[in-house]
Amino acid sequence: MADPNGWLLLCRAVRFGDTDAAGVMHFTRLLSWC
């Protein structure tokens, strides 16, 4: 299981729309490379 600090950062990132959108774009880009 991930460390508490990692989960806090993850939850905090999901809270912010910009960070969430950036994560989705990065994930989509990774899928495109596959």
PDB file of N, CA and C in Angstrom:
ATOM      1  N   MET A   1       0.848  -1.206   0.000  1.00  0.00           N
ATOM      2  CA  MET A   1       0.000   0.000   0.000  1.00  0.00           C
ATOM      3  C   MET A   1       0.880   1.252   0.000  1.00  0.00           C
ATOM      4  N   ALA A   2       0.415   2.260  -0.747  1.00  0.00           N
ATOM      5  CA  ALA A   2       1.202   3.489  -0.862  1.00  0.00           C
ATOM      6  C   ALA A   2       1.276   4.220   0.470  1.00  0.00           C
ATOM      7  N   ASP A   3       2.271   5.081   0.586  1.00  0.00           N
ATOM      8  CA  ASP A   3       2.439   5.833   1.835  1.00  0.00           C
ATOM      9  C   ASP A   3       1.344   6.889   1.964  1.00  0.00           C
ATOM     10  N   PRO A   4       0.995   7.277   3.193  1.00  0.00           N
ATOM     11  CA  PRO A   4      -0.053   8.284   3.441  1.00  0.00           C
ATOM     12  C   PRO A   4       0.199   9.579   2.682  1.00  0.00           C
ATOM     13  N   ASN A   5       1.461  10.002   2.631  1.00  0.00           N
ATOM     14  CA  ASN A   5       1.783  11.252   1.934  1.00  0.00           C
ATOM     15  C   ASN A   5       1.409  11.150   0.459  1.00  0.00           C
ATOM     16  N   GLY A   6       1.658   9.978  -0.128  1.00  0.00           N
ATOM     17  CA  GLY A   6       1.327   9.777  -1.542  1.00  0.00           C
ATOM     18  C   GLY A   6      -0.175   9.877  -1.759  1.00  0.00           C
ATOM     19  N   TRP A   7      -0.940   9.280  -0.828  1.00  0.00           N
ATOM     20  CA  TRP A   7      -2.407   9.327  -0.950  1.00  0.00           C
ATOM     21  C   TRP A   7      -2.909  10.755  -0.797  1.00  0.00           C
ATOM     22  N   LEU A   8      -2.286  11.535   0.107  1.00  0.00           N
ATOM     23  CA  LEU A   8      -2.697  12.935   0.293  1.00  0.00           C
ATOM     24  C   LEU A   8      -2.458  13.717  -0.993  1.00  0.00           C
ATOM     25  N   LEU A   9      -1.304  13.482  -1.618  1.00  0.00           N
ATOM     26  CA  LEU A   9      -0.999  14.184  -2.862  1.00  0.00           C
ATOM     27  C   LEU A   9      -1.968  13.758  -3.952  1.00  0.00           C
ATOM     28  N   LEU A  10      -2.301  12.456  -3.974  1.00  0.00           N
ATOM     29  CA  LEU A  10      -3.217  11.947  -4.990  1.00  0.00           C
ATOM     30  C   LEU A  10      -4.592  12.577  -4.831  1.00  0.00           C
ATOM     31  N   CYS A  11      -5.106  12.580  -3.594  1.00  0.00           N
ATOM     32  CA  CYS A  11      -6.423  13.180  -3.333  1.00  0.00           C
ATOM     33  C   CYS A  11      -6.403  14.666  -3.656  1.00  0.00           C
ATOM     34  N   ARG A  12      -5.301  15.326  -3.299  1.00  0.00           N
ATOM     35  CA  ARG A  12      -5.181  16.763  -3.554  1.00  0.00           C
ATOM     36  C   ARG A  12      -5.142  17.034  -5.058  1.00  0.00           C
ATOM     37  N   ALA A  13      -4.483  16.141  -5.801  1.00  0.00           N
ATOM     38  CA  ALA A  13      -4.397  16.309  -7.256  1.00  0.00           C
ATOM     39  C   ALA A  13      -5.773  16.142  -7.886  1.00  0.00           C
ATOM     40  N   VAL A  14      -6.545  15.174  -7.382  1.00  0.00           N
ATOM     41  CA  VAL A  14      -7.881  14.936  -7.931  1.00  0.00           C
ATOM     42  C   VAL A  14      -8.785  16.128  -7.654  1.00  0.00           C
ATOM     43  N   ARG A  15      -8.555  16.787  -6.505  1.00  0.00           N
ATOM     44  CA  ARG A  15      -9.372  17.948  -6.143  1.00  0.00           C
ATOM     45  C   ARG A  15      -9.217  19.054  -7.186  1.00  0.00           C
ATOM     46  N   PHE A  16      -7.983  19.260  -7.661  1.00  0.00           N
ATOM     47  CA  PHE A  16      -7.730  20.330  -8.633  1.00  0.00           C
ATOM     48  C   PHE A  16      -8.030  19.853 -10.051  1.00  0.00           C
ATOM     49  N   GLY A  17      -8.877  20.592 -10.759  1.00  0.00           N
ATOM     50  CA  GLY A  17      -9.260  20.211 -12.120  1.00  0.00           C
ATOM     51  C   GLY A  17      -8.072  20.245 -13.077  1.00  0.00           C
ATOM     52  N   ASP A  18      -7.185  21.244 -12.918  1.00  0.00           N
ATOM     53  CA  ASP A  18      -6.046  21.374 -13.819  1.00  0.00           C
ATOM     54  C   ASP A  18      -5.148  20.153 -13.721  1.00  0.00           C
ATOM     55  N   THR A  19      -4.832  19.743 -12.494  1.00  0.00           N
ATOM     56  CA  THR A  19      -3.948  18.598 -12.297  1.00  0.00           C
ATOM     57  C   THR A  19      -4.606  17.330 -12.823  1.00  0.00           C
ATOM     58  N   ASP A  20      -5.914  17.194 -12.576  1.00  0.00           N
ATOM     59  CA  ASP A  20      -6.638  16.012 -13.016  1.00  0.00           C
ATOM     60  C   ASP A  20      -6.650  15.942 -14.543  1.00  0.00           C
ATOM     61  N   ALA A  21      -6.908  17.087 -15.181  1.00  0.00           N
ATOM     62  CA  ALA A  21      -6.942  17.145 -16.638  1.00  0.00           C
ATOM     63  C   ALA A  21      -5.569  16.803 -17.207  1.00  0.00           C
ATOM     64  N   ALA A  22      -4.513  17.319 -16.585  1.00  0.00           N
ATOM     65  CA  ALA A  22      -3.156  17.048 -17.043  1.00  0.00           C
ATOM     66  C   ALA A  22      -2.861  15.556 -16.926  1.00  0.00           C
ATOM     67  N   GLY A  23      -3.324  14.953 -15.830  1.00  0.00           N
ATOM     68  CA  GLY A  23      -3.095  13.517 -15.624  1.00  0.00           C
ATOM     69  C   GLY A  23      -3.810  12.698 -16.686  1.00  0.00           C
ATOM     70  N   VAL A  24      -5.038  13.104 -17.010  1.00  0.00           N
ATOM     71  CA  VAL A  24      -5.805  12.392 -18.036  1.00  0.00           C
ATOM     72  C   VAL A  24      -5.117  12.516 -19.388  1.00  0.00           C
ATOM     73  N   MET A  25      -4.632  13.712 -19.704  1.00  0.00           N
ATOM     74  CA  MET A  25      -3.945  13.929 -20.976  1.00  0.00           C
ATOM     75  C   MET A  25      -2.683  13.084 -21.047  1.00  0.00           C
ATOM     76  N   HIS A  26      -1.936  13.010 -19.940  1.00  0.00           N
ATOM     77  CA  HIS A  26      -0.711  12.220 -19.900  1.00  0.00           C
ATOM     78  C   HIS A  26      -1.033  10.743 -20.069  1.00  0.00           C
ATOM     79  N   PHE A  27      -2.098  10.277 -19.403  1.00  0.00           N
ATOM     80  CA  PHE A  27      -2.498   8.874 -19.487  1.00  0.00           C
ATOM     81  C   PHE A  27      -2.929   8.532 -20.914  1.00  0.00           C
ATOM     82  N   THR A  28      -3.676   9.455 -21.543  1.00  0.00           N
ATOM     83  CA  THR A  28      -4.124   9.235 -22.922  1.00  0.00           C
ATOM     84  C   THR A  28      -2.930   9.161 -23.855  1.00  0.00           C
ATOM     85  N   ARG A  29      -1.928  10.007 -23.598  1.00  0.00           N
ATOM     86  CA  ARG A  29      -0.721  10.018 -24.432  1.00  0.00           C
ATOM     87  C   ARG A  29       0.028   8.703 -24.291  1.00  0.00           C
ATOM     88  N   LEU A  30       0.069   8.161 -23.060  1.00  0.00           N
ATOM     89  CA  LEU A  30       0.738   6.876 -22.834  1.00  0.00           C
ATOM     90  C   LEU A  30       0.015   5.778 -23.598  1.00  0.00           C
ATOM     91  N   LEU A  31      -1.319   5.821 -23.604  1.00  0.00           N
ATOM     92  CA  LEU A  31      -2.100   4.810 -24.328  1.00  0.00           C
ATOM     93  C   LEU A  31      -1.822   4.916 -25.825  1.00  0.00           C
ATOM     94  N   SER A  32      -1.639   6.135 -26.316  1.00  0.00           N
ATOM     95  CA  SER A  32      -1.376   6.331 -27.741  1.00  0.00           C
ATOM     96  C   SER A  32      -0.038   5.712 -28.131  1.00  0.00           C
ATOM     97  N   TRP A  33       0.938   5.746 -27.223  1.00  0.00           N
ATOM     98  CA  TRP A  33       2.256   5.190 -27.503  1.00  0.00           C
ATOM     99  C   TRP A  33       2.217   3.668 -27.581  1.00  0.00           C
ATOM    100  N   CYS A  34       1.283   3.051 -26.870  1.00  0.00           N
ATOM    101  CA  CYS A  34       1.188   1.585 -26.866  1.00  0.00           C
ATOM    102  C   CYS A  34       0.722   1.071 -28.228  1.00  0.00           C
TER     103      CYS A  34
END
